[in-house]
């Protein structure tokens, strides 16, 4: 249950469409959702933070994934599972057939029940090369889950910088920007020099030996001379997309307040 669904819930209670005992039972179940013996879901996180708890799928069994997704759906929440295997994806689809498993980003996403919610703000997701796309797609899926819209600008690395310069105006119009790059990790600094927006850099584990599994890109991004660059962990498209979407939503809220 998030703020929007909580308003709907209280409205149903006010109109008499929901009994007091049923409402009390639902609210009493929110704080901690015990799932078998292996997990305790934070049922109130969507109310506190505006976004439901996200499930990290790596090393969880398909059975565990299925039970977690089922419980989240029982709470009336949107679902996002990251780092998910194909077997885990199938288990998630059984629990929430309306959802979608994406093998490229290794994510499963199911929207919250009820009316379609309009995205707030725009996040531009940029990646240097085709090999970086899985991380960029994880960011895109996360942006949508948090409640913003994502635009994709892929394969625009610095070795052919004219490809990036042709997208400069589109990038300036976004509310926040995520940039994924491996190798020497130069792309976020270049993008940041073109735009008046926060840039969240994601080093990827792409490159030959001296790239050290993404450490070279991470160090380069941490040492960026562009003041509007911040950096998340290697291959962490999820955190980058999450933060960028929060920024975009905040800017969208500010614009609507000005009107």
Protein backbone atom coordinates (compact mmCIF):
# COMPACT_ATOMS: atom_id res chain seq x y z
CA UNK A 1 0.00 0.00 0.00
CA UNK A 2 1.40 3.40 -1.00
CA UNK A 3 0.06 6.91 -0.48
CA UNK A 4 -2.21 6.73 -3.54
CA UNK A 5 -3.69 3.36 -2.64
CA UNK A 6 -3.99 4.45 1.02
CA UNK A 7 -6.12 7.41 -0.07
CA UNK A 8 -8.30 5.06 -2.12
CA UNK A 9 -8.54 2.70 0.85
CA UNK A 10 -9.62 5.49 3.23
CA UNK A 11 -12.09 6.78 0.65
CA UNK A 12 -13.74 3.35 0.44
CA UNK A 13 -13.93 3.28 4.24
CA UNK A 14 -15.47 6.76 4.33
CA UNK A 15 -18.09 5.82 1.70
CA UNK A 16 -19.01 2.67 3.58
CA UNK A 17 -17.68 0.36 0.87
CA UNK A 18 -15.30 -1.19 3.40
CA UNK A 19 -16.14 -2.42 6.88
CA UNK A 20 -14.28 -1.14 9.93
CA UNK A 21 -13.17 -4.63 10.99
CA UNK A 22 -11.79 -5.40 7.53
CA UNK A 23 -9.99 -2.04 7.49
CA UNK A 24 -8.46 -2.68 10.91
CA UNK A 25 -7.32 -6.14 9.85
CA UNK A 26 -5.66 -4.76 6.72
CA UNK A 27 -3.86 -1.94 8.56
CA UNK A 28 -2.71 -4.22 11.38
CA UNK A 29 -1.00 -6.47 8.84
CA UNK A 30 1.04 -3.71 7.22
CA UNK A 31 4.04 -3.11 9.53
CA UNK A 32 5.81 -6.48 9.18
CA UNK A 33 4.86 -9.14 6.68
CA UNK A 34 6.38 -12.43 7.76
CA UNK A 35 6.88 -14.73 4.76
CA UNK A 36 7.37 -18.34 5.90
CA UNK A 37 10.62 -18.60 7.90
CA UNK A 38 12.92 -16.73 5.55
CA UNK A 39 11.77 -13.11 5.20
CA UNK A 40 9.98 -10.18 6.80
CA UNK A 41 8.68 -7.67 4.28
CA UNK A 42 8.38 -4.00 5.22
CA UNK A 43 4.72 -3.42 4.42
CA UNK A 44 4.80 0.26 5.44
CA UNK A 45 7.76 1.32 3.33
CA UNK A 46 5.58 2.65 0.51
CA UNK A 47 3.81 4.92 2.99
CA UNK A 48 7.06 6.16 4.60
CA UNK A 49 9.16 6.51 1.44
CA UNK A 50 6.63 6.59 -1.39
CA UNK A 51 7.98 3.39 -2.97
CA UNK A 52 7.35 -0.23 -1.89
CA UNK A 53 10.13 -2.56 -0.79
CA UNK A 54 12.15 -4.02 -3.66
CA UNK A 55 13.22 -7.68 -3.64
CA UNK A 56 16.85 -8.55 -4.42
CA UNK A 57 16.44 -11.81 -6.30
CA UNK A 58 20.01 -13.08 -6.43
CA UNK A 59 20.56 -16.32 -4.44
CA UNK A 60 16.87 -16.62 -3.59
CA UNK A 61 15.16 -19.84 -4.66
CA UNK A 62 12.23 -19.77 -7.10
CA UNK A 63 9.96 -20.86 -4.25
CA UNK A 64 11.10 -17.92 -2.12
CA UNK A 65 10.62 -15.51 -5.02
CA UNK A 66 7.09 -16.79 -5.62
CA UNK A 67 6.10 -16.37 -1.98
CA UNK A 68 7.54 -12.86 -1.74
CA UNK A 69 5.79 -11.70 -4.90
CA UNK A 70 2.51 -13.24 -3.75
CA UNK A 71 2.66 -11.40 -0.44
CA UNK A 72 3.44 -8.07 -2.09
CA UNK A 73 0.45 -8.51 -4.38
CA UNK A 74 -1.74 -9.33 -1.38
CA UNK A 75 -0.70 -5.94 0.02
CA UNK A 76 -1.86 -4.25 -3.19
CA UNK A 77 1.64 -3.05 -4.01
CA UNK A 78 3.66 -2.75 -7.16
CA UNK A 79 6.44 -5.35 -7.35
CA UNK A 80 10.05 -5.06 -8.45
CA UNK A 81 12.54 -7.94 -8.20
CA UNK A 82 16.13 -7.36 -9.36
CA UNK A 83 18.99 -9.73 -10.24
CA UNK A 84 16.52 -12.46 -11.04
CA UNK A 85 17.28 -15.77 -12.77
CA UNK A 86 15.02 -17.18 -15.48
CA UNK A 87 13.71 -19.79 -13.00
CA UNK A 88 12.95 -17.06 -10.48
CA UNK A 89 11.26 -15.06 -13.21
CA UNK A 90 8.93 -17.95 -13.98
CA UNK A 91 8.04 -18.28 -10.30
CA UNK A 92 7.29 -14.55 -10.15
CA UNK A 93 5.03 -14.82 -13.21
CA UNK A 94 3.07 -17.65 -11.60
CA UNK A 95 2.54 -15.47 -8.52
CA UNK A 96 1.69 -12.34 -10.56
CA UNK A 97 0.76 -13.29 -14.15
CA UNK A 98 0.11 -9.65 -15.07
CA UNK A 99 3.78 -8.82 -14.45
CA UNK A 100 6.73 -8.96 -16.84
CA UNK A 101 10.07 -10.74 -16.54
CA UNK A 102 12.87 -9.14 -18.58
CA UNK A 103 15.85 -11.48 -19.06
CA UNK A 104 18.07 -8.64 -20.33
CA UNK A 105 17.87 -6.53 -17.16
CA UNK A 106 17.10 -9.62 -15.00
CA UNK A 107 14.11 -7.85 -13.46
CA UNK A 108 10.49 -8.69 -12.76
CA UNK A 109 8.00 -5.84 -12.52
CA UNK A 110 4.27 -5.81 -11.84
CA UNK A 111 2.31 -2.55 -11.58
CA UNK A 112 0.13 -1.73 -8.61
CA UNK A 113 -3.52 -2.71 -9.07
CA UNK A 114 -6.04 -0.03 -9.89
CA UNK A 115 -5.99 2.88 -12.35
CA UNK A 116 -2.87 3.57 -14.42
CA UNK A 117 -0.67 6.14 -12.70
CA UNK A 118 0.81 8.92 -14.78
CA UNK A 119 4.63 9.15 -14.60
CA UNK A 120 6.03 12.21 -12.83
CA UNK A 121 9.16 13.68 -14.38
CA UNK A 122 11.61 12.28 -16.94
CA UNK A 123 14.91 10.47 -16.45
CA UNK A 124 17.29 10.13 -19.39
CA UNK A 125 19.17 6.82 -19.21
CA UNK A 126 22.40 6.88 -21.19
CA UNK A 127 24.90 4.10 -21.83
CA UNK A 128 28.26 4.06 -23.56
CA UNK A 129 28.01 0.79 -25.48
CA UNK A 130 25.71 -2.11 -26.26
CA UNK A 131 27.42 -4.20 -23.57
CA UNK A 132 26.26 -1.70 -20.96
CA UNK A 133 22.58 -2.06 -21.91
CA UNK A 134 21.64 -4.69 -19.26
CA UNK A 135 22.67 -2.30 -16.49
CA UNK A 136 20.96 0.62 -18.24
CA UNK A 137 17.76 -1.41 -18.63
CA UNK A 138 17.77 -2.22 -14.92
CA UNK A 139 17.86 1.54 -14.35
CA UNK A 140 14.99 2.10 -16.81
CA UNK A 141 12.76 -0.53 -15.18
CA UNK A 142 13.50 0.97 -11.76
CA UNK A 143 12.69 4.49 -12.95
CA UNK A 144 9.25 3.30 -14.04
CA UNK A 145 8.70 1.43 -10.79
CA UNK A 146 9.49 4.53 -8.70
CA UNK A 147 7.06 6.57 -10.78
CA UNK A 148 8.95 8.57 -13.43
CA UNK A 149 9.34 8.10 -17.19
CA UNK A 150 12.60 6.85 -18.73
CA UNK A 151 14.02 7.82 -22.11
CA UNK A 152 16.79 5.64 -23.59
CA UNK A 153 19.97 6.95 -25.19
CA UNK A 154 22.11 3.87 -25.88
CA UNK A 155 25.48 3.30 -27.56
CA UNK A 156 26.64 6.92 -27.40
CA UNK A 157 30.13 6.40 -25.93
CA UNK A 158 33.03 8.82 -26.20
CA UNK A 159 34.78 6.90 -28.98
CA UNK A 160 32.12 8.33 -31.32
CA UNK A 161 31.21 11.45 -29.41
CA UNK A 162 29.16 12.92 -32.26
CA UNK A 163 26.49 10.31 -31.38
CA UNK A 164 26.18 11.85 -27.93
CA UNK A 165 26.25 15.47 -29.10
CA UNK A 166 23.25 14.77 -31.31
CA UNK A 167 21.27 13.90 -28.16
CA UNK A 168 22.39 16.90 -26.10
CA UNK A 169 19.12 18.84 -26.30
CA UNK A 170 17.07 15.79 -25.28
CA UNK A 171 19.36 15.27 -22.29
CA UNK A 172 19.02 18.90 -21.21
CA UNK A 173 15.24 18.53 -21.14
CA UNK A 174 15.31 15.58 -18.72
CA UNK A 175 14.90 16.10 -14.97
CA UNK A 176 17.81 13.79 -14.07
CA UNK A 177 20.27 11.64 -15.98
CA UNK A 178 21.72 8.18 -15.40
CA UNK A 179 24.92 7.35 -17.29
CA UNK A 180 26.25 3.77 -17.47
CA UNK A 181 29.76 3.15 -18.77
CA UNK A 182 32.62 0.70 -18.44
CA UNK A 183 36.15 0.75 -19.89
CA UNK A 184 37.71 4.08 -18.77
CA UNK A 185 34.40 5.47 -17.48
CA UNK A 186 34.67 8.87 -19.19
CA UNK A 187 31.09 9.25 -20.42
CA UNK A 188 29.43 10.66 -17.24
CA UNK A 189 31.89 13.57 -17.09
CA UNK A 190 31.21 14.43 -20.73
CA UNK A 191 27.44 14.26 -20.28
CA UNK A 192 27.62 16.32 -17.10
CA UNK A 193 29.47 19.06 -18.97
CA UNK A 194 26.57 19.37 -21.41
CA UNK A 195 23.58 19.55 -19.05
CA UNK A 196 22.25 21.61 -16.11
CA UNK A 197 21.01 18.49 -14.31
CA UNK A 198 22.24 15.97 -11.73
CA UNK A 199 24.06 13.06 -13.38
CA UNK A 200 24.18 9.72 -11.60
CA UNK A 201 27.09 7.66 -12.89
CA UNK A 202 27.06 3.86 -12.97
CA UNK A 203 30.39 2.12 -13.56
CA UNK A 204 29.90 -1.20 -15.35
CA UNK A 205 32.10 -4.30 -15.23
CA UNK A 206 32.88 -4.01 -18.95
CA UNK A 207 36.42 -3.99 -20.31
CA UNK A 208 39.71 -5.85 -20.59
CA UNK A 209 42.04 -6.81 -17.75
CA UNK A 210 43.11 -3.40 -16.45
CA UNK A 211 39.47 -2.35 -16.12
CA UNK A 212 39.51 -4.59 -13.02
CA UNK A 213 35.87 -5.61 -13.27
CA UNK A 214 34.64 -2.00 -13.25
CA UNK A 215 37.04 -0.56 -10.66
CA UNK A 216 38.84 1.58 -13.25
CA UNK A 217 35.54 3.14 -14.32
CA UNK A 218 34.46 3.57 -10.68
CA UNK A 219 37.67 5.43 -9.77
CA UNK A 220 37.42 7.62 -12.87
CA UNK A 221 33.83 8.57 -12.07
CA UNK A 222 34.63 9.28 -8.42
CA UNK A 223 37.36 11.64 -9.64
CA UNK A 224 35.17 13.44 -12.16
CA UNK A 225 35.88 17.16 -12.53
CA UNK A 226 32.17 17.75 -13.24
CA UNK A 227 30.51 18.93 -10.03
CA UNK A 228 27.07 17.55 -10.96
CA UNK A 229 28.20 13.90 -11.01
CA UNK A 230 27.50 11.42 -8.22
CA UNK A 231 28.39 7.74 -8.39
CA UNK A 232 26.76 4.45 -7.38
CA UNK A 233 28.28 0.99 -7.10
CA UNK A 234 29.52 -1.12 -10.02
CA UNK A 235 26.66 -2.43 -12.21
CA UNK A 236 24.10 -0.90 -9.81
CA UNK A 237 21.53 0.36 -12.31
CA UNK A 238 18.86 -0.13 -9.64
CA UNK A 239 20.17 2.48 -7.19
CA UNK A 240 20.91 4.95 -9.98
CA UNK A 241 17.43 4.61 -11.45
CA UNK A 242 15.82 4.85 -8.02
CA UNK A 243 17.62 8.07 -7.07
CA UNK A 244 17.14 9.67 -10.47
CA UNK A 245 13.40 8.92 -10.41
CA UNK A 246 13.05 10.51 -6.96
CA UNK A 247 14.78 13.64 -8.28
CA UNK A 248 12.54 13.68 -11.36
CA UNK A 249 9.40 13.28 -9.27
CA UNK A 250 10.51 16.11 -7.00
CA UNK A 251 11.07 18.43 -9.94
CA UNK A 252 7.70 17.47 -11.43
CA UNK A 253 5.99 18.23 -8.12
CA UNK A 254 7.73 21.61 -7.95
CA UNK A 255 6.59 22.47 -11.49
CA UNK A 256 2.97 21.59 -10.73
CA UNK A 257 3.18 23.72 -7.56
CA UNK A 258 4.37 26.69 -9.61
CA UNK A 259 1.31 26.39 -11.84
